[in-house]
C-alpha atoms as a PDB file:
ATOM      1  CA  MET A   1    -118.000 -23.646  13.375  1.00  0.00           C
ATOM      2  CA  SER A   2    -117.891 -20.605  15.553  1.00  0.00           C
ATOM      3  CA  ARG A   3    -119.898 -20.594  18.759  1.00  0.00           C
ATOM      4  CA  GLU A   4    -119.540 -16.798  18.699  1.00  0.00           C
ATOM      5  CA  ILE A   5    -121.507 -16.554  15.446  1.00  0.00           C
ATOM      6  CA  ASP A   6    -124.365 -18.567  16.954  1.00  0.00           C
ATOM      7  CA  GLU A   7    -124.435 -16.210  19.950  1.00  0.00           C
ATOM      8  CA  TYR A   8    -125.310 -13.376  17.553  1.00  0.00           C
ATOM      9  CA  ALA A   9    -128.042 -15.411  15.856  1.00  0.00           C
ATOM     10  CA  TRP A  10    -131.797 -15.089  16.260  1.00  0.00           C
ATOM     11  CA  PRO A  11    -134.026 -18.128  16.748  1.00  0.00           C
ATOM     12  CA  LEU A  12    -136.996 -18.480  14.417  1.00  0.00           C
ATOM     13  CA  SER A  13    -139.306 -17.751  17.349  1.00  0.00           C
ATOM     14  CA  GLN A  14    -137.894 -14.184  17.531  1.00  0.00           C
ATOM     15  CA  LEU A  15    -137.598 -13.459  13.820  1.00  0.00           C
ATOM     16  CA  GLY A  16    -140.325 -10.807  13.886  1.00  0.00           C
ATOM     17  CA  GLU A  17    -138.355  -8.901  16.501  1.00  0.00           C
ATOM     18  CA  ALA A  18    -135.215  -9.266  14.370  1.00  0.00           C
ATOM     19  CA  ILE A  19    -136.942  -7.780  11.317  1.00  0.00           C
ATOM     20  CA  ALA A  20    -138.346  -4.875  13.316  1.00  0.00           C
ATOM     21  CA  GLU A  21    -134.938  -4.155  14.897  1.00  0.00           C
ATOM     22  CA  MET A  22    -133.223  -4.381  11.519  1.00  0.00           C
ATOM     23  CA  GLY A  23    -135.710  -1.896  10.090  1.00  0.00           C
ATOM     24  CA  ARG A  24    -135.161   0.526  12.944  1.00  0.00           C
ATOM     25  CA  SER A  25    -131.375   0.114  12.937  1.00  0.00           C
ATOM     26  CA  THR A  26    -131.049   0.779   9.229  1.00  0.00           C
ATOM     27  CA  GLY A  27    -133.677   3.521   9.108  1.00  0.00           C
ATOM     28  CA  LEU A  28    -135.515   1.575   6.428  1.00  0.00           C
ATOM     29  CA  ALA A  29    -138.672   0.992   8.452  1.00  0.00           C
ATOM     30  CA  LEU A  30    -140.301   3.050  11.148  1.00  0.00           C
ATOM     31  CA  MET A  31    -143.698   1.331  11.316  1.00  0.00           C
ATOM     32  CA  ALA A  32    -142.870  -1.558  13.667  1.00  0.00           C
ATOM     33  CA  ALA A  33    -146.496  -1.606  14.807  1.00  0.00           C
ATOM     34  CA  ALA A  34    -147.392  -3.056  11.396  1.00  0.00           C
ATOM     35  CA  LEU A  35    -145.336  -6.179  12.066  1.00  0.00           C
ATOM     36  CA  PRO A  36    -147.558  -9.235  12.583  1.00  0.00           C
ATOM     37  CA  GLY A  37    -145.433 -10.592  15.440  1.00  0.00           C
ATOM     38  CA  ASN A  38    -143.130 -13.575  15.446  1.00  0.00           C
ATOM     39  CA  PRO A  39    -143.670 -16.472  13.040  1.00  0.00           C
ATOM     40  CA  PRO A  40    -146.206 -19.161  13.866  1.00  0.00           C
ATOM     41  CA  PRO A  41    -144.798 -22.559  14.918  1.00  0.00           C
ATOM     42  CA  ARG A  42    -145.617 -24.145  11.543  1.00  0.00           C
ATOM     43  CA  CYS A  43    -142.852 -22.017   9.988  1.00  0.00           C
ATOM     44  CA  ALA A  44    -140.313 -24.246  11.755  1.00  0.00           C
ATOM     45  CA  THR A  45    -141.219 -27.173   9.503  1.00  0.00           C
ATOM     46  CA  ASP A  46    -142.847 -25.569   6.454  1.00  0.00           C
ATOM     47  CA  PRO A  47    -140.441 -23.553   4.270  1.00  0.00           C
ATOM     48  CA  SER A  48    -143.266 -22.092   2.175  1.00  0.00           C
ATOM     49  CA  ALA A  49    -145.079 -20.888   5.309  1.00  0.00           C
ATOM     50  CA  LEU A  50    -141.866 -19.220   6.456  1.00  0.00           C
ATOM     51  CA  ALA A  51    -141.358 -17.586   3.044  1.00  0.00           C
ATOM     52  CA  ASP A  52    -144.938 -16.270   3.088  1.00  0.00           C
ATOM     53  CA  TRP A  53    -144.552 -14.977   6.636  1.00  0.00           C
ATOM     54  CA  LEU A  54    -141.277 -13.230   5.778  1.00  0.00           C
ATOM     55  CA  GLU A  55    -142.813 -11.532   2.726  1.00  0.00           C
ATOM     56  CA  GLN A  56    -145.870 -10.360   4.691  1.00  0.00           C
ATOM     57  CA  SER A  57    -143.748  -9.131   7.603  1.00  0.00           C
ATOM     58  CA  ALA A  58    -141.405  -7.184   5.370  1.00  0.00           C
ATOM     59  CA  ALA A  59    -144.299  -5.713   3.377  1.00  0.00           C
ATOM     60  CA  GLY A  60    -145.951  -4.587   6.629  1.00  0.00           C
ATOM     61  CA  LEU A  61    -142.850  -2.491   7.280  1.00  0.00           C
ATOM     62  CA  GLY A  62    -142.678  -1.181   3.732  1.00  0.00           C
ATOM     63  CA  LEU A  63    -139.720  -3.444   2.943  1.00  0.00           C
ATOM     64  CA  GLU A  64    -139.148  -6.169   0.392  1.00  0.00           C
ATOM     65  CA  ALA A  65    -138.103  -9.718   1.201  1.00  0.00           C
ATOM     66  CA  GLN A  66    -136.550 -11.804  -1.508  1.00  0.00           C
ATOM     67  CA  ALA A  67    -135.107 -15.288  -1.192  1.00  0.00           C
ATOM     68  CA  VAL A  68    -131.617 -15.611  -2.625  1.00  0.00           C
ATOM     69  CA  GLU A  69    -129.612 -18.733  -3.315  1.00  0.00           C
ATOM     70  CA  THR A  70    -125.948 -18.793  -4.172  1.00  0.00           C
ATOM     71  CA  SER A  71    -123.138 -21.268  -4.702  1.00  0.00           C
ATOM     72  CA  TYR A  72    -120.508 -21.852  -2.046  1.00  0.00           C
ATOM     73  CA  ALA A  73    -118.021 -20.077  -4.318  1.00  0.00           C
ATOM     74  CA  ARG A  74    -120.113 -16.883  -4.269  1.00  0.00           C
ATOM     75  CA  VAL A  75    -120.985 -16.732  -0.548  1.00  0.00           C
ATOM     76  CA  GLU A  76    -118.160 -14.290   0.203  1.00  0.00           C
ATOM     77  CA  THR A  77    -119.364 -11.933  -2.547  1.00  0.00           C
ATOM     78  CA  LEU A  78    -122.946 -12.194  -1.297  1.00  0.00           C
ATOM     79  CA  LEU A  79    -121.847 -11.278   2.233  1.00  0.00           C
ATOM     80  CA  ARG A  80    -119.765  -8.317   1.060  1.00  0.00           C
ATOM     81  CA  LEU A  81    -122.418  -6.832  -1.194  1.00  0.00           C
ATOM     82  CA  SER A  82    -125.628  -7.800   0.556  1.00  0.00           C
ATOM     83  CA  PRO A  83    -128.070  -5.168   1.666  1.00  0.00           C
ATOM     84  CA  PRO A  84    -129.548  -5.812   5.104  1.00  0.00           C
ATOM     85  CA  ALA A  85    -130.427  -9.492   5.072  1.00  0.00           C
ATOM     86  CA  LEU A  86    -131.514 -12.419   7.175  1.00  0.00           C
ATOM     87  CA  LEU A  87    -129.192 -15.375   6.712  1.00  0.00           C
ATOM     88  CA  ARG A  88    -130.427 -18.801   7.733  1.00  0.00           C
ATOM     89  CA  LEU A  89    -127.664 -20.802   9.354  1.00  0.00           C
ATOM     90  CA  PRO A  90    -127.369 -24.513   8.610  1.00  0.00           C
ATOM     91  CA  THR A  91    -128.507 -26.708  11.469  1.00  0.00           C
ATOM     92  CA  THR A  92    -125.788 -28.226  13.621  1.00  0.00           C
ATOM     93  CA  GLY A  93    -127.701 -31.238  14.888  1.00  0.00           C
ATOM     94  CA  ALA A  94    -127.123 -30.093  18.460  1.00  0.00           C
ATOM     95  CA  ALA A  95    -129.897 -30.879  20.914  1.00  0.00           C
ATOM     96  CA  THR A  96    -129.850 -27.227  21.977  1.00  0.00           C
ATOM     97  CA  GLN A  97    -130.628 -25.969  18.450  1.00  0.00           C
ATOM     98  CA  PRO A  98    -133.965 -24.109  18.587  1.00  0.00           C
ATOM     99  CA  ALA A  99    -136.883 -25.326  16.479  1.00  0.00           C
ATOM    100  CA  GLY A 100    -136.725 -23.732  13.061  1.00  0.00           C
ATOM    101  CA  GLY A 101    -133.025 -22.956  13.331  1.00  0.00           C
ATOM    102  CA  LEU A 102    -131.035 -19.775  13.700  1.00  0.00           C
ATOM    103  CA  PHE A 103    -130.751 -16.624  11.574  1.00  0.00           C
ATOM    104  CA  LEU A 104    -128.153 -13.883  11.357  1.00  0.00           C
ATOM    105  CA  ALA A 105    -129.382 -10.304  10.978  1.00  0.00           C
ATOM    106  CA  LEU A 106    -126.784  -8.854   8.615  1.00  0.00           C
ATOM    107  CA  LEU A 107    -126.805  -5.069   8.453  1.00  0.00           C
ATOM    108  CA  GLY A 108    -123.839  -4.542   6.148  1.00  0.00           C
ATOM    109  CA  SER A 109    -120.102  -4.874   5.699  1.00  0.00           C
ATOM    110  CA  ARG A 110    -117.001  -2.772   6.067  1.00  0.00           C
ATOM    111  CA  GLY A 111    -113.755  -4.140   4.717  1.00  0.00           C
ATOM    112  CA  GLU A 112    -113.355  -7.705   5.936  1.00  0.00           C
ATOM    113  CA  ARG A 113    -115.953  -7.341   8.703  1.00  0.00           C
ATOM    114  CA  LEU A 114    -119.715  -7.811   8.832  1.00  0.00           C
ATOM    115  CA  ARG A 115    -122.031  -5.853  11.068  1.00  0.00           C
ATOM    116  CA  LEU A 116    -124.558  -8.165  12.728  1.00  0.00           C
ATOM    117  CA  LEU A 117    -127.489  -7.248  14.928  1.00  0.00           C
ATOM    118  CA  GLY A 118    -127.785  -9.623  17.859  1.00  0.00           C
ATOM    119  CA  PRO A 119    -130.845 -10.585  19.903  1.00  0.00           C
ATOM    120  CA  ASP A 120    -129.347  -8.477  22.693  1.00  0.00           C
ATOM    121  CA  GLY A 121    -130.088  -5.404  20.536  1.00  0.00           C
ATOM    122  CA  LYS A 122    -126.390  -4.641  20.098  1.00  0.00           C
ATOM    123  CA  MET A 123    -124.243  -4.442  16.987  1.00  0.00           C
ATOM    124  CA  HIS A 124    -121.589  -7.121  16.716  1.00  0.00           C
ATOM    125  CA  TRP A 125    -118.721  -7.303  14.254  1.00  0.00           C
ATOM    126  CA  SER A 126    -117.553 -10.580  12.795  1.00  0.00           C
ATOM    127  CA  SER A 127    -115.153 -11.445  10.022  1.00  0.00           C
ATOM    128  CA  ILE A 128    -116.538 -12.377   6.647  1.00  0.00           C
ATOM    129  CA  GLU A 129    -114.433 -15.534   6.866  1.00  0.00           C
ATOM    130  CA  GLU A 130    -116.072 -16.668  10.146  1.00  0.00           C
ATOM    131  CA  VAL A 131    -119.595 -16.125   8.847  1.00  0.00           C
ATOM    132  CA  GLN A 132    -118.736 -17.786   5.553  1.00  0.00           C
ATOM    133  CA  LYS A 133    -117.373 -20.829   7.400  1.00  0.00           C
ATOM    134  CA  ARG A 134    -120.545 -21.062   9.484  1.00  0.00           C
ATOM    135  CA  LEU A 135    -122.785 -20.762   6.427  1.00  0.00           C
ATOM    136  CA  CYS A 136    -120.843 -23.300   4.383  1.00  0.00           C
END
């Protein structure tokens, strides 16, 4: 597992900010004022509440949120071809893991590299292989 990947990840408590920044960075959404804020604490333990919150947040920005599942064998293809996406990282069991886990804000790919938006507001590049390892 790469500590570097986790440094680029957003905690659940800041996911609203991640969505707004992704919208601005990609030019897909300009109405950040419509965002309902960060997810309520119940989203940390209730997957359906998180799914509902994500759909409402995306819709408020004029975007669409759609849950996607894939096999381990197809993760690399998903990463290469994915439009801007939030990727939920598996929990590590570390005591420092934030409630609700961590998410990568994937903006796109170029060759063997992925462009990630970090909580610091900066673009970070990571290899597809490193992200794939962390996801799987």
